[in-house]
Amino acid sequence: MQSRGALRIDPGQLGADAFSGELELVVPYTDPALARALLRKAAALTAGLQARISLVAVHVVPFPADFHCAAATHTFLVDQLMELAAGCPMPVHPQVVLARSREEGFRYALRPQSTVLVGTHRHLWPTSEDRLAGMLVSDGHTVALLHIERGRNH
C-alpha cells in the first residue's frame, strides 16, 4: 500500500524543526515565470535551513517517436534551466528528464517522499500545476503549492 504525502497551500515557511541536516527541494519546471518566482520564494521558505534545489524539467517525447530528442529543443530547455539556476542565491541542480508523459518523467526523477514546491496561478478551475501537485501528493511526496500572481516579479 502506498502512503499519501502532504499538501500545504502557500506556507509561510517549511519549518526548521521538521528537518535535520540538508533539505533537498524539488521545483518542477512547468513555466519559466513560475519557476523563477518559486526559486525566489524558496530562499524565504528555507530561512535557517541548509537547503538545495533540484530544478526538474520533463521533455515529453510522444510514442512512437524515438527518445532521440531534437538537439535544438533539448539545448533550449537546458539553457533555460541553467539561466534560472544562475539567478538563484541557493545551490540549484538543473535536470532534464526524457519521458513519454509529464507524470512519468516526474515520477522517475523524484526520490521517494520528496519535498516539492509547485507554483500555480489562481484560476476558477484547476490548472495543470494543481493536478501535478495532487498526483505528487498521492504518490507520497510533501508538496507546497504556492500561488503566484501573474505579472509580478517576486
Protein backbone atom coordinates (compact mmCIF):
# COMPACT_ATOMS: atom_id res chain seq x y z
CA MET A 1 0.00 0.00 0.00
CA GLN A 2 1.38 3.36 -1.00
CA SER A 3 1.46 6.14 1.58
CA ARG A 4 -0.05 9.51 0.81
CA GLY A 5 2.01 12.64 1.07
CA ALA A 6 1.03 16.03 2.40
CA LEU A 7 -0.17 19.20 0.70
CA ARG A 8 0.46 22.66 2.16
CA ILE A 9 -1.00 25.62 0.32
CA ASP A 10 1.00 28.86 0.42
CA PRO A 11 3.07 28.02 3.54
CA GLY A 12 4.99 30.90 5.12
CA GLN A 13 7.93 28.62 5.83
CA LEU A 14 8.79 24.96 5.67
CA GLY A 15 9.64 24.72 9.39
CA ALA A 16 13.20 24.22 10.58
CA ASP A 17 12.08 21.80 13.32
CA ALA A 18 10.82 19.28 10.74
CA PHE A 19 14.18 18.79 9.03
CA SER A 20 17.61 17.71 10.23
CA GLY A 21 20.65 18.04 8.02
CA GLU A 22 20.31 19.21 4.44
CA LEU A 23 16.90 19.69 2.85
CA GLU A 24 16.52 18.99 -0.85
CA LEU A 25 13.63 20.75 -2.54
CA VAL A 26 12.36 19.84 -5.98
CA VAL A 27 10.95 22.53 -8.25
CA PRO A 28 9.14 21.11 -11.28
CA TYR A 29 9.77 23.29 -14.31
CA THR A 30 6.38 23.86 -15.91
CA ASP A 31 6.64 27.53 -16.89
CA PRO A 32 9.63 29.94 -16.87
CA ALA A 33 7.85 32.67 -14.87
CA LEU A 34 6.55 30.21 -12.27
CA ALA A 35 9.97 28.57 -11.89
CA ARG A 36 11.69 31.95 -11.47
CA ALA A 37 9.16 33.01 -8.80
CA LEU A 38 9.47 29.66 -6.99
CA LEU A 39 13.25 29.86 -6.90
CA ARG A 40 12.99 33.32 -5.32
CA LYS A 41 10.41 32.16 -2.77
CA ALA A 42 12.47 29.09 -1.87
CA ALA A 43 15.04 31.26 -0.06
CA ALA A 44 12.36 32.72 2.23
CA LEU A 45 10.74 29.33 2.84
CA THR A 46 14.01 27.71 3.86
CA ALA A 47 15.39 30.51 6.07
CA GLY A 48 17.65 28.92 8.67
CA LEU A 49 17.87 25.59 6.85
CA GLN A 50 20.62 24.01 4.80
CA ALA A 51 18.73 23.64 1.55
CA ARG A 52 19.44 22.97 -2.09
CA ILE A 53 17.13 22.76 -5.05
CA SER A 54 16.68 20.33 -7.91
CA LEU A 55 15.04 22.11 -10.86
CA VAL A 56 13.46 19.31 -12.91
CA ALA A 57 12.11 19.71 -16.43
CA VAL A 58 10.39 16.89 -18.28
CA HIS A 59 10.86 16.80 -22.04
CA VAL A 60 7.91 14.77 -23.31
CA VAL A 61 8.65 12.52 -26.29
CA PRO A 62 5.34 11.10 -27.55
CA PHE A 63 5.06 7.49 -28.60
CA PRO A 64 6.07 6.13 -31.17
CA ALA A 65 8.85 8.72 -31.59
CA ASP A 66 12.38 7.68 -30.62
CA PHE A 67 13.87 9.08 -27.46
CA HIS A 68 16.42 10.96 -29.53
CA CYS A 69 15.13 14.45 -28.88
CA ALA A 70 15.79 17.27 -31.27
CA ALA A 71 19.10 18.83 -30.31
CA ALA A 72 17.83 22.40 -30.66
CA THR A 73 14.82 21.81 -28.39
CA HIS A 74 16.89 20.00 -25.78
CA THR A 75 19.59 22.68 -25.84
CA PHE A 76 17.00 25.43 -25.46
CA LEU A 77 15.48 23.71 -22.41
CA VAL A 78 18.87 23.12 -20.80
CA ASP A 79 19.83 26.77 -21.42
CA GLN A 80 16.59 27.96 -19.76
CA LEU A 81 17.25 25.83 -16.69
CA MET A 82 20.88 26.98 -16.44
CA GLU A 83 19.79 30.62 -16.65
CA LEU A 84 17.19 30.13 -13.92
CA ALA A 85 19.70 28.28 -11.71
CA ALA A 86 22.28 31.05 -12.10
CA GLY A 87 19.76 33.64 -10.88
CA CYS A 88 19.03 31.82 -7.62
CA PRO A 89 21.03 32.57 -4.45
CA MET A 90 20.76 28.91 -3.37
CA PRO A 91 22.50 25.90 -4.90
CA VAL A 92 20.38 24.64 -7.82
CA HIS A 93 20.87 21.38 -9.71
CA PRO A 94 19.09 21.59 -13.10
CA GLN A 95 17.92 18.31 -14.62
CA VAL A 96 16.14 17.42 -17.87
CA VAL A 97 14.28 14.10 -18.00
CA LEU A 98 13.07 12.48 -21.22
CA ALA A 99 9.78 10.62 -20.79
CA ARG A 100 6.60 9.59 -22.60
CA SER A 101 4.46 11.80 -20.32
CA ARG A 102 4.99 14.61 -17.83
CA GLU A 103 3.71 12.41 -14.99
CA GLU A 104 6.05 9.54 -15.90
CA GLY A 105 9.01 11.94 -16.05
CA PHE A 106 8.39 13.46 -12.62
CA ARG A 107 7.76 10.02 -11.09
CA TYR A 108 11.13 8.89 -12.47
CA ALA A 109 13.05 11.99 -11.32
CA LEU A 110 11.75 12.32 -7.75
CA ARG A 111 13.10 10.34 -4.84
CA PRO A 112 10.55 8.75 -2.50
CA GLN A 113 8.91 11.25 -0.13
CA SER A 114 10.48 14.31 -1.79
CA THR A 115 9.62 17.85 -0.75
CA VAL A 116 8.27 19.60 -3.85
CA LEU A 117 7.46 23.27 -4.48
CA VAL A 118 4.78 23.67 -7.15
CA GLY A 119 3.76 27.10 -8.40
CA THR A 120 0.40 27.93 -9.93
CA HIS A 121 -1.63 30.94 -10.94
CA ARG A 122 -5.03 31.43 -9.32
CA HIS A 123 -7.91 30.27 -11.52
CA LEU A 124 -11.52 29.30 -11.04
CA TRP A 125 -10.66 25.83 -12.32
CA PRO A 126 -7.73 23.52 -11.52
CA THR A 127 -4.56 24.22 -13.50
CA SER A 128 -2.15 21.58 -14.80
CA GLU A 129 0.12 22.54 -11.87
CA ASP A 130 -2.75 21.90 -9.42
CA ARG A 131 -3.23 18.45 -10.96
CA LEU A 132 0.53 17.79 -10.80
CA ALA A 133 0.53 18.71 -7.09
CA GLY A 134 -2.36 16.30 -6.47
CA MET A 135 -0.58 13.48 -8.29
CA LEU A 136 2.63 14.06 -6.32
CA VAL A 137 0.75 14.05 -3.01
CA SER A 138 -0.97 10.78 -3.94
CA ASP A 139 2.49 9.38 -4.78
CA GLY A 140 3.65 10.12 -1.21
CA HIS A 141 5.51 13.42 -1.63
CA THR A 142 5.23 16.53 0.52
CA VAL A 143 4.04 19.34 -1.73
CA ALA A 144 3.93 23.08 -1.05
CA LEU A 145 1.53 24.63 -3.57
CA LEU A 146 2.37 28.32 -3.97
CA HIS A 147 0.02 30.73 -5.71
CA ILE A 148 1.98 33.16 -7.87
CA GLU A 149 0.35 36.37 -9.04
CA ARG A 150 0.58 36.99 -12.77
CA GLY A 151 2.77 39.80 -13.97
CA ARG A 152 4.59 40.31 -10.69
CA ASN A 153 8.27 39.59 -10.29
CA HIS A 154 8.89 38.02 -6.90
